[in-house]
Amino acid sequence: MDRELLEHFLRTRHNEVTGDHAGPVMTRIVERLSDHPAMVFSQFGEVLLQTRPAIALFGDYTRSGGSSRYLVDRWCADPAARERYLVEVGVTDDRHLRRYRHAALGRLELYRQLLLDPVEYQMLLVFMAVPGSSSDEKLRLLAAAGD
């Protein structure tokens, strides 16, 4: 693919987005998950809302405009983001628990849950650690540092 064609697809996709805010139900859910990394995405992958721990793990996607609000776009456009923030490195014996690497926190084992809102066409991505684990302690310290 040449750059001009990719830019066309990018502009077209961005023009299809109907709103740049999380729906009211997703917003209320995220407000109650303030101690956990949680992000709301549009159906096109635009980050609409993040908790403070999610910003610490992934970087702030909501502050900027344009394609930098899109997870895949920023991941491709800023290779350094892959090193600074949370990166999946494997799975554990528990197929739901995944291993991640974070530049500041080191190794984390986290559950990742994706919830869909079919009415608003939005997705909620939440990360949680096993209670009492070293990963849980790291996430709690991360949440406290954001306050």
Protein backbone atom coordinates (compact mmCIF):
# COMPACT_ATOMS: atom_id res chain seq x y z
CA MET A 1 0.00 0.00 0.00
CA ASP A 2 1.25 3.46 -0.75
CA ARG A 3 1.07 6.32 1.75
CA GLU A 4 -1.61 8.25 -0.16
CA LEU A 5 -3.99 5.30 -0.13
CA LEU A 6 -3.38 4.63 3.56
CA GLU A 7 -4.04 8.29 4.37
CA HIS A 8 -7.29 8.10 2.40
CA PHE A 9 -8.45 5.08 4.43
CA LEU A 10 -7.47 6.84 7.62
CA ARG A 11 -9.42 10.02 6.72
CA THR A 12 -12.44 8.00 5.63
CA ARG A 13 -12.49 5.96 8.80
CA HIS A 14 -12.13 9.03 11.02
CA ASN A 15 -14.99 10.76 9.19
CA GLU A 16 -17.24 7.79 9.98
CA VAL A 17 -16.95 8.27 13.74
CA THR A 18 -20.22 9.64 15.06
CA GLY A 19 -19.03 10.79 18.48
CA ASP A 20 -15.86 11.28 20.41
CA HIS A 21 -17.21 10.67 23.90
CA ALA A 22 -17.96 7.55 25.83
CA GLY A 23 -21.66 6.86 26.28
CA PRO A 24 -23.26 7.62 29.65
CA VAL A 25 -23.37 4.00 30.82
CA MET A 26 -19.74 3.33 29.90
CA THR A 27 -18.73 6.58 31.58
CA ARG A 28 -20.46 5.58 34.83
CA ILE A 29 -18.85 2.13 34.76
CA VAL A 30 -15.39 3.61 34.20
CA GLU A 31 -15.93 6.13 37.02
CA ARG A 32 -16.43 3.18 39.38
CA LEU A 33 -13.28 1.47 38.08
CA SER A 34 -11.00 4.40 38.92
CA ASP A 35 -8.46 2.15 40.69
CA HIS A 36 -8.13 -0.16 37.69
CA PRO A 37 -6.74 0.33 34.20
CA ALA A 38 -9.82 0.76 32.02
CA MET A 39 -10.32 2.25 28.55
CA VAL A 40 -13.37 2.87 26.38
CA PHE A 41 -12.95 2.55 22.60
CA SER A 42 -15.19 3.51 19.72
CA GLN A 43 -16.02 0.84 17.17
CA PHE A 44 -13.10 2.18 15.12
CA GLY A 45 -10.50 1.90 17.89
CA GLU A 46 -10.55 5.53 19.02
CA VAL A 47 -9.82 5.86 22.73
CA LEU A 48 -12.75 7.78 24.20
CA LEU A 49 -12.06 7.54 27.94
CA GLN A 50 -9.27 6.26 30.20
CA THR A 51 -8.77 5.89 33.94
CA ARG A 52 -5.57 7.28 35.50
CA PRO A 53 -4.04 3.80 35.85
CA ALA A 54 -4.77 3.17 32.14
CA ILE A 55 -3.00 6.41 31.25
CA ALA A 56 0.00 5.32 33.31
CA LEU A 57 0.06 1.91 31.59
CA PHE A 58 -0.65 2.99 28.01
CA GLY A 59 -0.07 6.73 27.78
CA ASP A 60 -2.74 9.40 27.43
CA TYR A 61 -4.70 8.85 24.23
CA THR A 62 -7.51 11.28 25.02
CA ARG A 63 -5.48 14.49 25.35
CA SER A 64 -4.55 14.67 21.67
CA GLY A 65 -6.73 14.85 18.62
CA GLY A 66 -6.70 13.19 15.23
CA SER A 67 -5.13 9.82 14.68
CA SER A 68 -3.18 9.90 17.95
CA ARG A 69 -6.45 8.99 19.71
CA TYR A 70 -6.48 5.68 17.84
CA LEU A 71 -4.65 2.83 19.56
CA VAL A 72 -3.43 1.15 16.39
CA ASP A 73 -2.44 4.41 14.70
CA ARG A 74 -0.33 5.58 17.64
CA TRP A 75 1.18 2.14 18.05
CA CYS A 76 2.33 2.20 14.43
CA ALA A 77 3.29 5.90 14.31
CA ASP A 78 5.20 5.91 17.62
CA PRO A 79 7.31 2.74 17.94
CA ALA A 80 8.74 4.08 21.21
CA ALA A 81 5.25 3.71 22.73
CA ARG A 82 5.69 -0.05 22.44
CA GLU A 83 8.68 0.19 24.76
CA ARG A 84 7.37 2.78 27.25
CA TYR A 85 4.02 1.28 28.00
CA LEU A 86 2.32 -2.06 28.61
CA VAL A 87 3.21 -4.81 26.14
CA GLU A 88 1.80 -8.34 26.17
CA VAL A 89 4.54 -10.96 26.26
CA GLY A 90 2.64 -14.21 26.77
CA VAL A 91 0.02 -16.24 28.58
CA THR A 92 0.16 -18.16 31.84
CA ASP A 93 -1.11 -21.61 32.75
CA ASP A 94 -4.46 -19.92 33.35
CA ARG A 95 -5.52 -19.09 29.80
CA HIS A 96 -7.35 -15.95 31.01
CA LEU A 97 -4.33 -14.53 32.83
CA ARG A 98 -1.80 -12.84 30.54
CA ARG A 99 1.78 -11.73 31.04
CA TYR A 100 2.79 -8.17 30.27
CA ARG A 101 5.93 -6.07 30.44
CA HIS A 102 5.89 -2.44 31.48
CA ALA A 103 8.94 -0.15 31.38
CA ALA A 104 8.42 1.23 34.90
CA LEU A 105 6.57 -1.63 36.64
CA GLY A 106 8.34 -4.62 35.16
CA ARG A 107 6.49 -7.91 34.75
CA LEU A 108 2.74 -7.98 35.38
CA GLU A 109 0.22 -10.80 35.21
CA LEU A 110 -3.23 -9.41 34.49
CA TYR A 111 -6.69 -10.48 33.55
CA ARG A 112 -7.94 -8.62 30.50
CA GLN A 113 -11.68 -8.33 29.95
CA LEU A 114 -13.38 -6.75 26.95
CA LEU A 115 -17.02 -5.73 27.36
CA LEU A 116 -19.18 -4.57 24.44
CA ASP A 117 -21.97 -2.02 24.35
CA PRO A 118 -23.98 -2.92 21.23
CA VAL A 119 -26.17 0.19 21.47
CA GLU A 120 -23.36 2.80 21.55
CA TYR A 121 -20.96 0.62 19.50
CA GLN A 122 -18.31 1.00 22.20
CA MET A 123 -15.92 -1.39 23.94
CA LEU A 124 -14.66 -1.30 27.51
CA LEU A 125 -11.26 -2.88 28.14
CA VAL A 126 -10.40 -3.54 31.80
CA PHE A 127 -7.26 -4.99 33.34
CA MET A 128 -7.19 -6.55 36.81
CA ALA A 129 -4.64 -8.53 38.77
CA VAL A 130 -5.09 -11.53 41.04
CA PRO A 131 -5.91 -10.05 44.48
CA GLY A 132 -2.88 -10.04 46.77
CA SER A 133 -0.40 -10.77 43.96
CA SER A 134 2.69 -8.69 43.21
CA SER A 135 0.91 -7.43 40.10
CA ASP A 136 -2.03 -6.32 42.26
CA GLU A 137 0.35 -4.40 44.50
CA LYS A 138 2.01 -2.74 41.50
CA LEU A 139 -1.39 -1.66 40.12
CA ARG A 140 -2.41 -0.27 43.52
CA LEU A 141 0.81 1.73 43.73
CA LEU A 142 0.24 2.96 40.19
CA ALA A 143 -3.32 4.07 41.03
CA ALA A 144 -2.12 5.82 44.20
CA ALA A 145 0.62 7.62 42.28
CA GLY A 146 -1.99 9.01 39.89
CA ASP A 147 -3.94 10.68 42.72
